[in-house]
Amino acid sequence: MKISPYKIKLNPDNPRFIRDESFNKLVQSIKDFPEMLELRPIVVNEDMVVLGGNMRLRACKEAGLKEVPYIVAHLTEQEEKEFIIKDNLSMGEWDWEELANTWDDEDLVEWGLEMPFIDEEPKQNQNNILKLKYPAEEYEKVMDALSRHNGSPEEVVYKLLGLE
């Protein structure tokens, strides 16, 4: 089902917020890939108040969408509260090594993933991360070579570069 985003009410008790930069990324994401809304529609209660998707609804309005997909959930008041919290929990964690080795950094950043190991410029008085790129088929060889040296991968790289 689809409806005008202006017929859906933002939840005044929504315990989440979004900062400007992230909101702008969400708006752009919806403009670039509106089909994703079909897979993750706005969830509303019988009064058309958002239970899941407050930020997406705001972003849809900002993006100028005339209609948004939605689902009506028939829940008790307690179940609605539980849904609101559970819908926003992030249970999983990113496998940064997997992302670094098998995904394109530019795509990930464009899609809105904040990559803690990508810095435009090194920062003073802080640990900076150096990312090595090599073909996937070389991964085992690189890890094996690092393991043959004493110390952490960072210490090995320092030794090999003569920076100890």
C-alpha atoms as a PDB file:
ATOM      1  CA  MET A   1       0.000   0.000   0.000  1.00  0.00           C
ATOM      2  CA  LYS A   2       1.088   3.549  -0.677  1.00  0.00           C
ATOM      3  CA  ILE A   3      -0.091   6.876   0.676  1.00  0.00           C
ATOM      4  CA  SER A   4       0.906  10.526   0.699  1.00  0.00           C
ATOM      5  CA  PRO A   5       3.635  11.004   3.315  1.00  0.00           C
ATOM      6  CA  TYR A   6       1.628  13.959   4.636  1.00  0.00           C
ATOM      7  CA  LYS A   7      -1.199  11.635   5.711  1.00  0.00           C
ATOM      8  CA  ILE A   8       1.152   9.806   8.078  1.00  0.00           C
ATOM      9  CA  LYS A   9       1.881  11.383  11.462  1.00  0.00           C
ATOM     10  CA  LEU A  10       5.376  11.498  12.914  1.00  0.00           C
ATOM     11  CA  ASN A  11       5.497   9.870  16.336  1.00  0.00           C
ATOM     12  CA  PRO A  12       5.796  12.661  18.939  1.00  0.00           C
ATOM     13  CA  ASP A  13       7.238  10.121  21.414  1.00  0.00           C
ATOM     14  CA  ASN A  14       9.950   8.886  19.060  1.00  0.00           C
ATOM     15  CA  PRO A  15      13.057   8.342  21.214  1.00  0.00           C
ATOM     16  CA  ARG A  16      15.449   8.685  18.264  1.00  0.00           C
ATOM     17  CA  PHE A  17      16.825  11.677  16.385  1.00  0.00           C
ATOM     18  CA  ILE A  18      19.055  12.234  13.387  1.00  0.00           C
ATOM     19  CA  ARG A  19      21.749  14.853  12.918  1.00  0.00           C
ATOM     20  CA  ASP A  20      21.771  17.148   9.872  1.00  0.00           C
ATOM     21  CA  GLU A  21      24.625  15.449   8.014  1.00  0.00           C
ATOM     22  CA  SER A  22      23.112  11.984   8.481  1.00  0.00           C
ATOM     23  CA  PHE A  23      19.664  13.280   7.558  1.00  0.00           C
ATOM     24  CA  ASN A  24      21.031  14.755   4.334  1.00  0.00           C
ATOM     25  CA  LYS A  25      22.643  11.388   3.530  1.00  0.00           C
ATOM     26  CA  LEU A  26      19.311   9.640   4.176  1.00  0.00           C
ATOM     27  CA  VAL A  27      17.466  12.056   1.868  1.00  0.00           C
ATOM     28  CA  GLN A  28      20.049  11.472  -0.862  1.00  0.00           C
ATOM     29  CA  SER A  29      19.847   7.713  -0.305  1.00  0.00           C
ATOM     30  CA  ILE A  30      16.084   7.792  -0.821  1.00  0.00           C
ATOM     31  CA  LYS A  31      16.466   9.904  -3.958  1.00  0.00           C
ATOM     32  CA  ASP A  32      19.096   7.505  -5.325  1.00  0.00           C
ATOM     33  CA  PHE A  33      17.347   4.247  -4.374  1.00  0.00           C
ATOM     34  CA  PRO A  34      13.622   4.833  -3.704  1.00  0.00           C
ATOM     35  CA  GLU A  35      12.900   1.161  -4.428  1.00  0.00           C
ATOM     36  CA  MET A  36      14.400   0.318  -1.054  1.00  0.00           C
ATOM     37  CA  LEU A  37      11.304   1.827   0.574  1.00  0.00           C
ATOM     38  CA  GLU A  38       9.273  -1.017  -0.914  1.00  0.00           C
ATOM     39  CA  LEU A  39      11.466  -3.431   1.032  1.00  0.00           C
ATOM     40  CA  ARG A  40      11.355  -1.356   4.241  1.00  0.00           C
ATOM     41  CA  PRO A  41       8.004   0.439   4.292  1.00  0.00           C
ATOM     42  CA  ILE A  42       6.969   2.891   7.001  1.00  0.00           C
ATOM     43  CA  VAL A  43       5.222   1.032   9.838  1.00  0.00           C
ATOM     44  CA  VAL A  44       2.224   2.855  11.344  1.00  0.00           C
ATOM     45  CA  ASN A  45      -0.432   2.091  13.944  1.00  0.00           C
ATOM     46  CA  GLU A  46      -4.172   2.245  13.270  1.00  0.00           C
ATOM     47  CA  ASP A  47      -4.123   6.025  13.885  1.00  0.00           C
ATOM     48  CA  MET A  48      -1.469   6.438  11.132  1.00  0.00           C
ATOM     49  CA  VAL A  49       1.239   7.345  13.685  1.00  0.00           C
ATOM     50  CA  VAL A  50       4.711   6.085  12.786  1.00  0.00           C
ATOM     51  CA  LEU A  51       6.020   3.141  14.794  1.00  0.00           C
ATOM     52  CA  GLY A  52       8.980   2.435  12.523  1.00  0.00           C
ATOM     53  CA  GLY A  53      10.477   4.877  10.047  1.00  0.00           C
ATOM     54  CA  ASN A  54      10.157   8.400  11.497  1.00  0.00           C
ATOM     55  CA  MET A  55      13.449   9.489   9.964  1.00  0.00           C
ATOM     56  CA  ARG A  56      12.666   7.828   6.624  1.00  0.00           C
ATOM     57  CA  LEU A  57       9.270   9.566   6.556  1.00  0.00           C
ATOM     58  CA  ARG A  58      10.881  12.952   7.187  1.00  0.00           C
ATOM     59  CA  ALA A  59      13.471  12.201   4.497  1.00  0.00           C
ATOM     60  CA  CYS A  60      10.760  11.118   2.032  1.00  0.00           C
ATOM     61  CA  LYS A  61       9.002  14.451   2.507  1.00  0.00           C
ATOM     62  CA  GLU A  62      12.290  16.323   2.066  1.00  0.00           C
ATOM     63  CA  ALA A  63      13.044  14.274  -1.075  1.00  0.00           C
ATOM     64  CA  GLY A  64       9.676  15.298  -2.512  1.00  0.00           C
ATOM     65  CA  LEU A  65       8.100  11.856  -2.723  1.00  0.00           C
ATOM     66  CA  LYS A  66       4.381  12.012  -3.456  1.00  0.00           C
ATOM     67  CA  GLU A  67       3.666   8.533  -2.049  1.00  0.00           C
ATOM     68  CA  VAL A  68       5.401   6.191   0.385  1.00  0.00           C
ATOM     69  CA  PRO A  69       4.882   2.488   1.068  1.00  0.00           C
ATOM     70  CA  TYR A  70       3.460   1.706   4.493  1.00  0.00           C
ATOM     71  CA  ILE A  71       2.164  -1.138   6.647  1.00  0.00           C
ATOM     72  CA  VAL A  72      -0.462  -0.860   9.387  1.00  0.00           C
ATOM     73  CA  ALA A  73       0.502  -2.788  12.525  1.00  0.00           C
ATOM     74  CA  HIS A  74      -2.307  -3.887  14.838  1.00  0.00           C
ATOM     75  CA  LEU A  75      -0.537  -3.860  18.207  1.00  0.00           C
ATOM     76  CA  THR A  76      -1.379  -3.113  21.805  1.00  0.00           C
ATOM     77  CA  GLU A  77       0.081   0.056  23.315  1.00  0.00           C
ATOM     78  CA  GLN A  78       2.748  -1.995  25.102  1.00  0.00           C
ATOM     79  CA  GLU A  79       3.598  -3.880  21.885  1.00  0.00           C
ATOM     80  CA  GLU A  80       3.889  -0.559  20.037  1.00  0.00           C
ATOM     81  CA  LYS A  81       6.444   0.675  22.586  1.00  0.00           C
ATOM     82  CA  GLU A  82       8.357  -2.597  22.338  1.00  0.00           C
ATOM     83  CA  PHE A  83       8.315  -2.422  18.530  1.00  0.00           C
ATOM     84  CA  ILE A  84       9.624   1.170  18.504  1.00  0.00           C
ATOM     85  CA  ILE A  85      12.629   0.192  20.596  1.00  0.00           C
ATOM     86  CA  LYS A  86      13.366  -3.156  18.965  1.00  0.00           C
ATOM     87  CA  ASP A  87      13.006  -1.712  15.454  1.00  0.00           C
ATOM     88  CA  ASN A  88      15.829   0.705  16.238  1.00  0.00           C
ATOM     89  CA  LEU A  89      18.258  -1.664  17.945  1.00  0.00           C
ATOM     90  CA  SER A  90      21.459  -2.454  16.130  1.00  0.00           C
ATOM     91  CA  MET A  91      22.330  -5.940  17.282  1.00  0.00           C
ATOM     92  CA  GLY A  92      25.017  -6.768  14.772  1.00  0.00           C
ATOM     93  CA  GLU A  93      28.450  -5.279  14.356  1.00  0.00           C
ATOM     94  CA  TRP A  94      30.362  -4.551  11.191  1.00  0.00           C
ATOM     95  CA  ASP A  95      33.202  -6.856  10.224  1.00  0.00           C
ATOM     96  CA  TRP A  96      35.589  -4.060   9.258  1.00  0.00           C
ATOM     97  CA  GLU A  97      38.176  -6.467   7.884  1.00  0.00           C
ATOM     98  CA  GLU A  98      35.589  -8.083   5.590  1.00  0.00           C
ATOM     99  CA  LEU A  99      34.360  -4.672   4.445  1.00  0.00           C
ATOM    100  CA  ALA A 100      37.911  -3.446   3.826  1.00  0.00           C
ATOM    101  CA  ASN A 101      38.864  -6.517   1.819  1.00  0.00           C
ATOM    102  CA  THR A 102      35.767  -7.292  -0.230  1.00  0.00           C
ATOM    103  CA  TRP A 103      33.706  -4.106  -0.591  1.00  0.00           C
ATOM    104  CA  ASP A 104      34.411  -0.880  -2.449  1.00  0.00           C
ATOM    105  CA  ASP A 105      35.126   1.950   0.036  1.00  0.00           C
ATOM    106  CA  GLU A 106      33.598   4.620  -2.175  1.00  0.00           C
ATOM    107  CA  ASP A 107      30.343   2.657  -2.515  1.00  0.00           C
ATOM    108  CA  LEU A 108      30.147   2.083   1.247  1.00  0.00           C
ATOM    109  CA  VAL A 109      30.660   5.771   2.010  1.00  0.00           C
ATOM    110  CA  GLU A 110      28.207   6.793  -0.724  1.00  0.00           C
ATOM    111  CA  TRP A 111      25.606   4.417   0.768  1.00  0.00           C
ATOM    112  CA  GLY A 112      25.993   6.122   4.144  1.00  0.00           C
ATOM    113  CA  LEU A 113      28.290   3.801   6.084  1.00  0.00           C
ATOM    114  CA  GLU A 114      30.600   5.765   8.335  1.00  0.00           C
ATOM    115  CA  MET A 115      33.999   4.191   7.854  1.00  0.00           C
ATOM    116  CA  PRO A 116      36.180   4.844  10.897  1.00  0.00           C
ATOM    117  CA  PHE A 117      39.345   3.845   9.100  1.00  0.00           C
ATOM    118  CA  ILE A 118      39.057   6.258   6.192  1.00  0.00           C
ATOM    119  CA  ASP A 119      40.523   9.685   6.899  1.00  0.00           C
ATOM    120  CA  GLU A 120      41.073  12.369   4.322  1.00  0.00           C
ATOM    121  CA  GLU A 121      44.273  13.448   6.068  1.00  0.00           C
ATOM    122  CA  PRO A 122      46.199  12.049   9.030  1.00  0.00           C
ATOM    123  CA  LYS A 123      45.398  13.781  12.308  1.00  0.00           C
ATOM    124  CA  GLN A 124      48.088  14.876  14.738  1.00  0.00           C
ATOM    125  CA  ASN A 125      48.295  13.282  18.210  1.00  0.00           C
ATOM    126  CA  GLN A 126      45.986  10.422  17.276  1.00  0.00           C
ATOM    127  CA  ASN A 127      46.382   6.939  15.880  1.00  0.00           C
ATOM    128  CA  ASN A 128      45.776   6.942  12.151  1.00  0.00           C
ATOM    129  CA  ILE A 129      44.928   3.849  10.171  1.00  0.00           C
ATOM    130  CA  LEU A 130      46.771   2.873   7.040  1.00  0.00           C
ATOM    131  CA  LYS A 131      44.766   0.629   4.746  1.00  0.00           C
ATOM    132  CA  LEU A 132      46.612  -1.702   2.415  1.00  0.00           C
ATOM    133  CA  LYS A 133      44.921  -2.730  -0.814  1.00  0.00           C
ATOM    134  CA  TYR A 134      45.805  -5.951  -2.558  1.00  0.00           C
ATOM    135  CA  PRO A 135      43.909  -8.512  -4.655  1.00  0.00           C
ATOM    136  CA  ALA A 136      41.595 -10.835  -2.705  1.00  0.00           C
ATOM    137  CA  GLU A 137      43.537 -13.894  -3.855  1.00  0.00           C
ATOM    138  CA  GLU A 138      46.639 -12.488  -2.110  1.00  0.00           C
ATOM    139  CA  TYR A 139      44.944 -12.131   1.292  1.00  0.00           C
ATOM    140  CA  GLU A 140      46.075 -15.487   2.699  1.00  0.00           C
ATOM    141  CA  LYS A 141      49.631 -14.895   1.479  1.00  0.00           C
ATOM    142  CA  VAL A 142      49.773 -11.478   3.136  1.00  0.00           C
ATOM    143  CA  MET A 143      48.328 -12.760   6.424  1.00  0.00           C
ATOM    144  CA  ASP A 144      50.729 -15.722   6.352  1.00  0.00           C
ATOM    145  CA  ALA A 145      53.705 -13.439   5.719  1.00  0.00           C
ATOM    146  CA  LEU A 146      52.689 -11.162   8.592  1.00  0.00           C
ATOM    147  CA  SER A 147      52.280 -14.121  10.946  1.00  0.00           C
ATOM    148  CA  ARG A 148      55.870 -15.290  10.292  1.00  0.00           C
ATOM    149  CA  HIS A 149      57.243 -12.156  11.952  1.00  0.00           C
ATOM    150  CA  ASN A 150      57.275 -11.390  15.651  1.00  0.00           C
ATOM    151  CA  GLY A 151      54.798  -8.746  16.766  1.00  0.00           C
ATOM    152  CA  SER A 152      51.463  -7.347  15.740  1.00  0.00           C
ATOM    153  CA  PRO A 153      50.782  -6.563  12.055  1.00  0.00           C
ATOM    154  CA  GLU A 154      51.413  -2.894  12.880  1.00  0.00           C
ATOM    155  CA  GLU A 155      54.794  -3.689  14.452  1.00  0.00           C
ATOM    156  CA  VAL A 156      55.749  -5.897  11.489  1.00  0.00           C
ATOM    157  CA  VAL A 157      54.931  -3.139   8.986  1.00  0.00           C
ATOM    158  CA  TYR A 158      56.981  -0.667  11.027  1.00  0.00           C
ATOM    159  CA  LYS A 159      59.933  -3.102  11.035  1.00  0.00           C
ATOM    160  CA  LEU A 160      59.660  -3.751   7.285  1.00  0.00           C
ATOM    161  CA  LEU A 161      59.555  -0.025   6.561  1.00  0.00           C
ATOM    162  CA  GLY A 162      62.483   0.637   8.874  1.00  0.00           C
ATOM    163  CA  LEU A 163      60.445   2.881  11.175  1.00  0.00           C
ATOM    164  CA  GLU A 164      61.115   1.165  14.501  1.00  0.00           C
END
